PDB file of all heavy atoms in Angstrom:
ATOM      1  N   PHE A   1      15.628  -2.936  -4.772  1.00  0.00           N
ATOM      2  CA  PHE A   1      14.900  -4.041  -4.316  1.00  0.00           C
ATOM      3  C   PHE A   1      14.829  -4.103  -2.784  1.00  0.00           C
ATOM      4  O   PHE A   1      15.792  -3.684  -2.136  1.00  0.00           O
ATOM      5  CB  PHE A   1      15.456  -5.357  -4.841  1.00  0.00           C
ATOM      6  CG  PHE A   1      15.187  -5.609  -6.259  1.00  0.00           C
ATOM      7  CD1 PHE A   1      16.155  -5.395  -7.215  1.00  0.00           C
ATOM      8  CD2 PHE A   1      13.923  -6.048  -6.635  1.00  0.00           C
ATOM      9  CE1 PHE A   1      15.884  -5.636  -8.508  1.00  0.00           C
ATOM     10  CE2 PHE A   1      13.643  -6.304  -8.002  1.00  0.00           C
ATOM     11  CZ  PHE A   1      14.642  -6.049  -8.941  1.00  0.00           C
ATOM     12  N   MET A   2      13.662  -4.480  -2.250  1.00  0.00           N
ATOM     13  CA  MET A   2      13.501  -4.650  -0.816  1.00  0.00           C
ATOM     14  C   MET A   2      12.753  -5.937  -0.522  1.00  0.00           C
ATOM     15  O   MET A   2      11.786  -6.247  -1.237  1.00  0.00           O
ATOM     16  CB  MET A   2      12.729  -3.493  -0.199  1.00  0.00           C
ATOM     17  CG  MET A   2      13.393  -2.161  -0.301  1.00  0.00           C
ATOM     18  SD  MET A   2      12.397  -0.836   0.453  1.00  0.00           S
ATOM     19  CE  MET A   2      12.777  -1.127   2.169  1.00  0.00           C
ATOM     20  N   ARG A   3      13.220  -6.681   0.436  1.00  0.00           N
ATOM     21  CA  ARG A   3      12.483  -7.919   0.795  1.00  0.00           C
ATOM     22  C   ARG A   3      11.220  -7.554   1.500  1.00  0.00           C
ATOM     23  O   ARG A   3      10.200  -8.268   1.371  1.00  0.00           O
ATOM     24  CB  ARG A   3      13.347  -8.825   1.686  1.00  0.00           C
ATOM     25  CG  ARG A   3      14.525  -9.350   0.902  1.00  0.00           C
ATOM     26  CD  ARG A   3      15.044 -10.660   1.498  1.00  0.00           C
ATOM     27  NE  ARG A   3      16.167 -11.167   0.802  1.00  0.00           N
ATOM     28  CZ  ARG A   3      16.147 -11.768  -0.417  1.00  0.00           C
ATOM     29  NH1 ARG A   3      15.034 -12.025  -0.940  1.00  0.00           N
ATOM     30  NH2 ARG A   3      17.262 -12.161  -0.980  1.00  0.00           N
ATOM     31  N   MET A   4      11.256  -6.565   2.320  1.00  0.00           N
ATOM     32  CA  MET A   4      10.015  -6.131   3.079  1.00  0.00           C
ATOM     33  C   MET A   4       9.790  -4.664   2.672  1.00  0.00           C
ATOM     34  O   MET A   4      10.683  -3.937   2.386  1.00  0.00           O
ATOM     35  CB  MET A   4      10.265  -6.286   4.584  1.00  0.00           C
ATOM     36  CG  MET A   4      10.477  -7.709   4.961  1.00  0.00           C
ATOM     37  SD  MET A   4      10.648  -7.928   6.709  1.00  0.00           S
ATOM     38  CE  MET A   4       8.996  -7.599   7.250  1.00  0.00           C
ATOM     39  N   LEU A   5       8.574  -4.261   2.782  1.00  0.00           N
ATOM     40  CA  LEU A   5       8.173  -2.839   2.454  1.00  0.00           C
ATOM     41  C   LEU A   5       8.730  -1.925   3.469  1.00  0.00           C
ATOM     42  O   LEU A   5       8.990  -2.287   4.654  1.00  0.00           O
ATOM     43  CB  LEU A   5       6.678  -2.724   2.347  1.00  0.00           C
ATOM     44  CG  LEU A   5       6.093  -3.442   1.154  1.00  0.00           C
ATOM     45  CD1 LEU A   5       4.590  -3.382   1.176  1.00  0.00           C
ATOM     46  CD2 LEU A   5       6.629  -2.884  -0.178  1.00  0.00           C
ATOM     47  N   PRO A   6       8.929  -0.655   3.129  1.00  0.00           N
ATOM     48  CA  PRO A   6       9.423   0.370   4.097  1.00  0.00           C
ATOM     49  C   PRO A   6       8.550   0.454   5.328  1.00  0.00           C
ATOM     50  O   PRO A   6       7.289   0.321   5.215  1.00  0.00           O
ATOM     51  CB  PRO A   6       9.413   1.665   3.313  1.00  0.00           C
ATOM     52  CG  PRO A   6       9.180   1.307   1.914  1.00  0.00           C
ATOM     53  CD  PRO A   6       8.644  -0.060   1.835  1.00  0.00           C
ATOM     54  N   GLU A   7       9.131   0.635   6.465  1.00  0.00           N
ATOM     55  CA  GLU A   7       8.329   0.789   7.681  1.00  0.00           C
ATOM     56  C   GLU A   7       8.390   2.208   8.189  1.00  0.00           C
ATOM     57  O   GLU A   7       9.214   3.019   7.782  1.00  0.00           O
ATOM     58  CB  GLU A   7       8.971  -0.107   8.788  1.00  0.00           C
ATOM     59  CG  GLU A   7       8.782  -1.568   8.466  1.00  0.00           C
ATOM     60  CD  GLU A   7       9.245  -2.456   9.611  1.00  0.00           C
ATOM     61  OE1 GLU A   7       9.338  -1.984  10.747  1.00  0.00           O
ATOM     62  OE2 GLU A   7       9.510  -3.641   9.334  1.00  0.00           O
ATOM     63  N   GLY A   8       7.467   2.516   9.028  1.00  0.00           N
ATOM     64  CA  GLY A   8       7.388   3.875   9.640  1.00  0.00           C
ATOM     65  C   GLY A   8       6.013   4.463   9.459  1.00  0.00           C
ATOM     66  O   GLY A   8       5.058   3.786   9.094  1.00  0.00           O
ATOM     67  N   PRO A   9       5.903   5.773   9.618  1.00  0.00           N
ATOM     68  CA  PRO A   9       4.598   6.418   9.594  1.00  0.00           C
ATOM     69  C   PRO A   9       4.129   6.755   8.180  1.00  0.00           C
ATOM     70  O   PRO A   9       3.599   7.787   7.902  1.00  0.00           O
ATOM     71  CB  PRO A   9       4.838   7.704  10.438  1.00  0.00           C
ATOM     72  CG  PRO A   9       6.237   8.030  10.115  1.00  0.00           C
ATOM     73  CD  PRO A   9       6.946   6.704  10.005  1.00  0.00           C
ATOM     74  N   LYS A  10       4.291   5.856   7.293  1.00  0.00           N
ATOM     75  CA  LYS A  10       3.872   6.028   5.917  1.00  0.00           C
ATOM     76  C   LYS A  10       2.425   5.551   5.802  1.00  0.00           C
ATOM     77  O   LYS A  10       1.968   4.662   6.504  1.00  0.00           O
ATOM     78  CB  LYS A  10       4.751   5.273   4.997  1.00  0.00           C
ATOM     79  CG  LYS A  10       6.210   5.708   5.059  1.00  0.00           C
ATOM     80  CD  LYS A  10       7.122   4.712   4.420  1.00  0.00           C
ATOM     81  CE  LYS A  10       8.514   4.994   4.762  1.00  0.00           C
ATOM     82  NZ  LYS A  10       8.917   4.548   6.058  1.00  0.00           N
ATOM     83  N   GLU A  11       1.723   6.125   4.867  1.00  0.00           N
ATOM     84  CA  GLU A  11       0.351   5.719   4.633  1.00  0.00           C
ATOM     85  C   GLU A  11       0.154   5.056   3.315  1.00  0.00           C
ATOM     86  O   GLU A  11       0.640   5.574   2.320  1.00  0.00           O
ATOM     87  CB  GLU A  11      -0.486   7.030   4.701  1.00  0.00           C
ATOM     88  CG  GLU A  11      -1.834   6.776   5.295  1.00  0.00           C
ATOM     89  CD  GLU A  11      -2.586   8.047   5.532  1.00  0.00           C
ATOM     90  OE1 GLU A  11      -1.976   9.025   6.063  1.00  0.00           O
ATOM     91  OE2 GLU A  11      -3.745   8.084   5.236  1.00  0.00           O
ATOM     92  N   ILE A  12      -0.474   3.956   3.328  1.00  0.00           N
ATOM     93  CA  ILE A  12      -0.781   3.224   2.065  1.00  0.00           C
ATOM     94  C   ILE A  12      -1.947   3.960   1.439  1.00  0.00           C
ATOM     95  O   ILE A  12      -2.994   4.110   2.070  1.00  0.00           O
ATOM     96  CB  ILE A  12      -1.129   1.778   2.322  1.00  0.00           C
ATOM     97  CG1 ILE A  12       0.100   0.999   2.973  1.00  0.00           C
ATOM     98  CG2 ILE A  12      -1.626   1.071   1.069  1.00  0.00           C
ATOM     99  CD1 ILE A  12      -0.208  -0.417   3.349  1.00  0.00           C
ATOM    100  N   ARG A  13      -1.768   4.380   0.213  1.00  0.00           N
ATOM    101  CA  ARG A  13      -2.837   5.129  -0.477  1.00  0.00           C
ATOM    102  C   ARG A  13      -3.575   4.282  -1.508  1.00  0.00           C
ATOM    103  O   ARG A  13      -4.775   4.436  -1.714  1.00  0.00           O
ATOM    104  CB  ARG A  13      -2.229   6.297  -1.194  1.00  0.00           C
ATOM    105  CG  ARG A  13      -1.779   7.368  -0.252  1.00  0.00           C
ATOM    106  CD  ARG A  13      -2.920   7.961   0.537  1.00  0.00           C
ATOM    107  NE  ARG A  13      -2.458   9.089   1.323  1.00  0.00           N
ATOM    108  CZ  ARG A  13      -3.211   9.904   1.921  1.00  0.00           C
ATOM    109  NH1 ARG A  13      -4.496   9.764   1.870  1.00  0.00           N
ATOM    110  NH2 ARG A  13      -2.731  10.884   2.636  1.00  0.00           N
ATOM    111  N   TYR A  14      -2.864   3.403  -2.204  1.00  0.00           N
ATOM    112  CA  TYR A  14      -3.540   2.564  -3.172  1.00  0.00           C
ATOM    113  C   TYR A  14      -2.950   1.158  -3.115  1.00  0.00           C
ATOM    114  O   TYR A  14      -1.805   0.999  -2.809  1.00  0.00           O
ATOM    115  CB  TYR A  14      -3.207   3.083  -4.629  1.00  0.00           C
ATOM    116  CG  TYR A  14      -3.768   4.431  -4.885  1.00  0.00           C
ATOM    117  CD1 TYR A  14      -2.970   5.591  -4.678  1.00  0.00           C
ATOM    118  CD2 TYR A  14      -5.086   4.665  -5.333  1.00  0.00           C
ATOM    119  CE1 TYR A  14      -3.460   6.849  -4.926  1.00  0.00           C
ATOM    120  CE2 TYR A  14      -5.554   5.895  -5.538  1.00  0.00           C
ATOM    121  CZ  TYR A  14      -4.744   7.010  -5.385  1.00  0.00           C
ATOM    122  OH  TYR A  14      -5.243   8.266  -5.614  1.00  0.00           O
ATOM    123  N   MET A  15      -3.792   0.186  -3.439  1.00  0.00           N
ATOM    124  CA  MET A  15      -3.348  -1.206  -3.481  1.00  0.00           C
ATOM    125  C   MET A  15      -4.151  -1.940  -4.527  1.00  0.00           C
ATOM    126  O   MET A  15      -5.308  -1.708  -4.681  1.00  0.00           O
ATOM    127  CB  MET A  15      -3.496  -1.846  -2.111  1.00  0.00           C
ATOM    128  CG  MET A  15      -3.022  -3.309  -2.070  1.00  0.00           C
ATOM    129  SD  MET A  15      -3.253  -4.054  -0.428  1.00  0.00           S
ATOM    130  CE  MET A  15      -1.907  -3.341   0.464  1.00  0.00           C
ATOM    131  N   TRP A  16      -3.469  -2.785  -5.259  1.00  0.00           N
ATOM    132  CA  TRP A  16      -4.152  -3.611  -6.258  1.00  0.00           C
ATOM    133  C   TRP A  16      -4.713  -4.824  -5.571  1.00  0.00           C
ATOM    134  O   TRP A  16      -4.022  -5.538  -4.815  1.00  0.00           O
ATOM    135  CB  TRP A  16      -3.163  -4.063  -7.343  1.00  0.00           C
ATOM    136  CG  TRP A  16      -3.002  -3.073  -8.434  1.00  0.00           C
ATOM    137  CD1 TRP A  16      -1.899  -2.240  -8.626  1.00  0.00           C
ATOM    138  CD2 TRP A  16      -3.870  -2.758  -9.470  1.00  0.00           C
ATOM    139  NE1 TRP A  16      -2.100  -1.472  -9.732  1.00  0.00           N
ATOM    140  CE2 TRP A  16      -3.356  -1.772 -10.230  1.00  0.00           C
ATOM    141  CE3 TRP A  16      -5.180  -3.240  -9.791  1.00  0.00           C
ATOM    142  CZ2 TRP A  16      -3.953  -1.246 -11.348  1.00  0.00           C
ATOM    143  CZ3 TRP A  16      -5.788  -2.713 -10.929  1.00  0.00           C
ATOM    144  CH2 TRP A  16      -5.181  -1.703 -11.668  1.00  0.00           C
ATOM    145  N   MET A  17      -5.952  -5.163  -5.810  1.00  0.00           N
ATOM    146  CA  MET A  17      -6.563  -6.366  -5.338  1.00  0.00           C
ATOM    147  C   MET A  17      -7.470  -6.939  -6.405  1.00  0.00           C
ATOM    148  O   MET A  17      -8.334  -6.181  -6.924  1.00  0.00           O
ATOM    149  CB  MET A  17      -7.423  -6.087  -4.072  1.00  0.00           C
ATOM    150  CG  MET A  17      -6.620  -5.736  -2.838  1.00  0.00           C
ATOM    151  SD  MET A  17      -7.812  -5.518  -1.483  1.00  0.00           S
ATOM    152  CE  MET A  17      -6.841  -4.420  -0.471  1.00  0.00           C
ATOM    153  N   SER A  18      -7.260  -8.154  -6.763  1.00  0.00           N
ATOM    154  CA  SER A  18      -8.129  -8.824  -7.787  1.00  0.00           C
ATOM    155  C   SER A  18      -8.268  -7.928  -9.029  1.00  0.00           C
ATOM    156  O   SER A  18      -9.399  -7.806  -9.609  1.00  0.00           O
ATOM    157  CB  SER A  18      -9.523  -9.055  -7.170  1.00  0.00           C
ATOM    158  OG  SER A  18      -9.425  -9.846  -6.009  1.00  0.00           O
ATOM    159  N   GLY A  19      -7.149  -7.399  -9.488  1.00  0.00           N
ATOM    160  CA  GLY A  19      -7.146  -6.685 -10.786  1.00  0.00           C
ATOM    161  C   GLY A  19      -7.676  -5.283 -10.751  1.00  0.00           C
ATOM    162  O   GLY A  19      -7.819  -4.683 -11.770  1.00  0.00           O
ATOM    163  N   ALA A  20      -8.005  -4.709  -9.581  1.00  0.00           N
ATOM    164  CA  ALA A  20      -8.559  -3.372  -9.496  1.00  0.00           C
ATOM    165  C   ALA A  20      -7.734  -2.525  -8.450  1.00  0.00           C
ATOM    166  O   ALA A  20      -7.296  -3.092  -7.486  1.00  0.00           O
ATOM    167  CB  ALA A  20      -9.984  -3.349  -9.146  1.00  0.00           C
ATOM    168  N   ARG A  21      -7.563  -1.249  -8.704  1.00  0.00           N
ATOM    169  CA  ARG A  21      -6.817  -0.401  -7.734  1.00  0.00           C
ATOM    170  C   ARG A  21      -7.780   0.169  -6.742  1.00  0.00           C
ATOM    171  O   ARG A  21      -8.844   0.731  -7.126  1.00  0.00           O
ATOM    172  CB  ARG A  21      -6.164   0.775  -8.540  1.00  0.00           C
ATOM    173  CG  ARG A  21      -5.239   1.561  -7.606  1.00  0.00           C
ATOM    174  CD  ARG A  21      -4.575   2.684  -8.381  1.00  0.00           C
ATOM    175  NE  ARG A  21      -3.783   2.264  -9.496  1.00  0.00           N
ATOM    176  CZ  ARG A  21      -2.537   1.912  -9.444  1.00  0.00           C
ATOM    177  NH1 ARG A  21      -1.888   1.943  -8.313  1.00  0.00           N
ATOM    178  NH2 ARG A  21      -1.849   1.552 -10.507  1.00  0.00           N
ATOM    179  N   TYR A  22      -7.547   0.001  -5.513  1.00  0.00           N
ATOM    180  CA  TYR A  22      -8.413   0.531  -4.401  1.00  0.00           C
ATOM    181  C   TYR A  22      -7.681   1.591  -3.603  1.00  0.00           C
ATOM    182  O   TYR A  22      -6.490   1.457  -3.350  1.00  0.00           O
ATOM    183  CB  TYR A  22      -8.788  -0.613  -3.432  1.00  0.00           C
ATOM    184  CG  TYR A  22      -9.721  -1.651  -4.032  1.00  0.00           C
ATOM    185  CD1 TYR A  22      -9.179  -2.763  -4.653  1.00  0.00           C
ATOM    186  CD2 TYR A  22     -11.117  -1.426  -4.082  1.00  0.00           C
ATOM    187  CE1 TYR A  22     -10.051  -3.688  -5.233  1.00  0.00           C
ATOM    188  CE2 TYR A  22     -11.956  -2.336  -4.630  1.00  0.00           C
ATOM    189  CZ  TYR A  22     -11.398  -3.488  -5.199  1.00  0.00           C
ATOM    190  OH  TYR A  22     -12.228  -4.388  -5.807  1.00  0.00           O
ATOM    191  N   ARG A  23      -8.382   2.671  -3.293  1.00  0.00           N
ATOM    192  CA  ARG A  23      -7.790   3.721  -2.472  1.00  0.00           C
ATOM    193  C   ARG A  23      -7.912   3.254  -1.036  1.00  0.00           C
ATOM    194  O   ARG A  23      -9.010   2.875  -0.594  1.00  0.00           O
ATOM    195  CB  ARG A  23      -8.559   5.044  -2.702  1.00  0.00           C
ATOM    196  CG  ARG A  23      -7.893   6.169  -1.938  1.00  0.00           C
ATOM    197  CD  ARG A  23      -8.321   7.473  -2.535  1.00  0.00           C
ATOM    198  NE  ARG A  23      -7.784   8.594  -1.828  1.00  0.00           N
ATOM    199  CZ  ARG A  23      -6.566   9.078  -2.005  1.00  0.00           C
ATOM    200  NH1 ARG A  23      -5.802   8.572  -2.886  1.00  0.00           N
ATOM    201  NH2 ARG A  23      -6.114  10.113  -1.298  1.00  0.00           N
ATOM    202  N   MET A  24      -6.813   3.246  -0.328  1.00  0.00           N
ATOM    203  CA  MET A  24      -6.765   2.774   1.048  1.00  0.00           C
ATOM    204  C   MET A  24      -6.626   3.955   2.047  1.00  0.00           C
ATOM    205  O   MET A  24      -5.605   4.087   2.748  1.00  0.00           O
ATOM    206  CB  MET A  24      -5.564   1.785   1.245  1.00  0.00           C
ATOM    207  CG  MET A  24      -5.487   0.713   0.191  1.00  0.00           C
ATOM    208  SD  MET A  24      -6.853  -0.414   0.281  1.00  0.00           S
ATOM    209  CE  MET A  24      -6.410  -1.363   1.732  1.00  0.00           C
ATOM    210  N   GLU A  25      -7.550   4.863   2.006  1.00  0.00           N
ATOM    211  CA  GLU A  25      -7.500   6.044   2.845  1.00  0.00           C
ATOM    212  C   GLU A  25      -7.303   5.764   4.293  1.00  0.00           C
ATOM    213  O   GLU A  25      -8.067   4.977   4.838  1.00  0.00           O
ATOM    214  CB  GLU A  25      -8.719   6.912   2.634  1.00  0.00           C
ATOM    215  CG  GLU A  25      -8.583   8.357   3.124  1.00  0.00           C
ATOM    216  CD  GLU A  25      -7.605   9.115   2.325  1.00  0.00           C
ATOM    217  OE1 GLU A  25      -7.775   9.196   1.071  1.00  0.00           O
ATOM    218  OE2 GLU A  25      -6.656   9.649   2.904  1.00  0.00           O
ATOM    219  N   GLY A  26      -6.292   6.314   4.897  1.00  0.00           N
ATOM    220  CA  GLY A  26      -6.108   6.167   6.342  1.00  0.00           C
ATOM    221  C   GLY A  26      -5.466   4.884   6.866  1.00  0.00           C
ATOM    222  O   GLY A  26      -5.225   4.724   8.008  1.00  0.00           O
ATOM    223  N   ARG A  27      -5.233   3.920   5.948  1.00  0.00           N
ATOM    224  CA  ARG A  27      -4.585   2.689   6.344  1.00  0.00           C
ATOM    225  C   ARG A  27      -3.139   2.876   6.673  1.00  0.00           C
ATOM    226  O   ARG A  27      -2.439   3.451   5.874  1.00  0.00           O
ATOM    227  CB  ARG A  27      -4.716   1.636   5.245  1.00  0.00           C
ATOM    228  CG  ARG A  27      -6.086   1.123   4.907  1.00  0.00           C
ATOM    229  CD  ARG A  27      -6.537   0.011   5.807  1.00  0.00           C
ATOM    230  NE  ARG A  27      -5.579  -1.038   6.020  1.00  0.00           N
ATOM    231  CZ  ARG A  27      -5.572  -2.196   5.360  1.00  0.00           C
ATOM    232  NH1 ARG A  27      -6.462  -2.439   4.447  1.00  0.00           N
ATOM    233  NH2 ARG A  27      -4.680  -3.120   5.622  1.00  0.00           N
TER     234      ARG A  27
END
C-alpha cells in the first residue's frame, strides 16, 4: 500500500476515467 503514487521519471501509460481505459502517451 502507498498513500501517494511512486514519484520519479515514470510514465503513466493507462488511466481509468469514467469507466473507460485511456492511453496516456507521454504524460
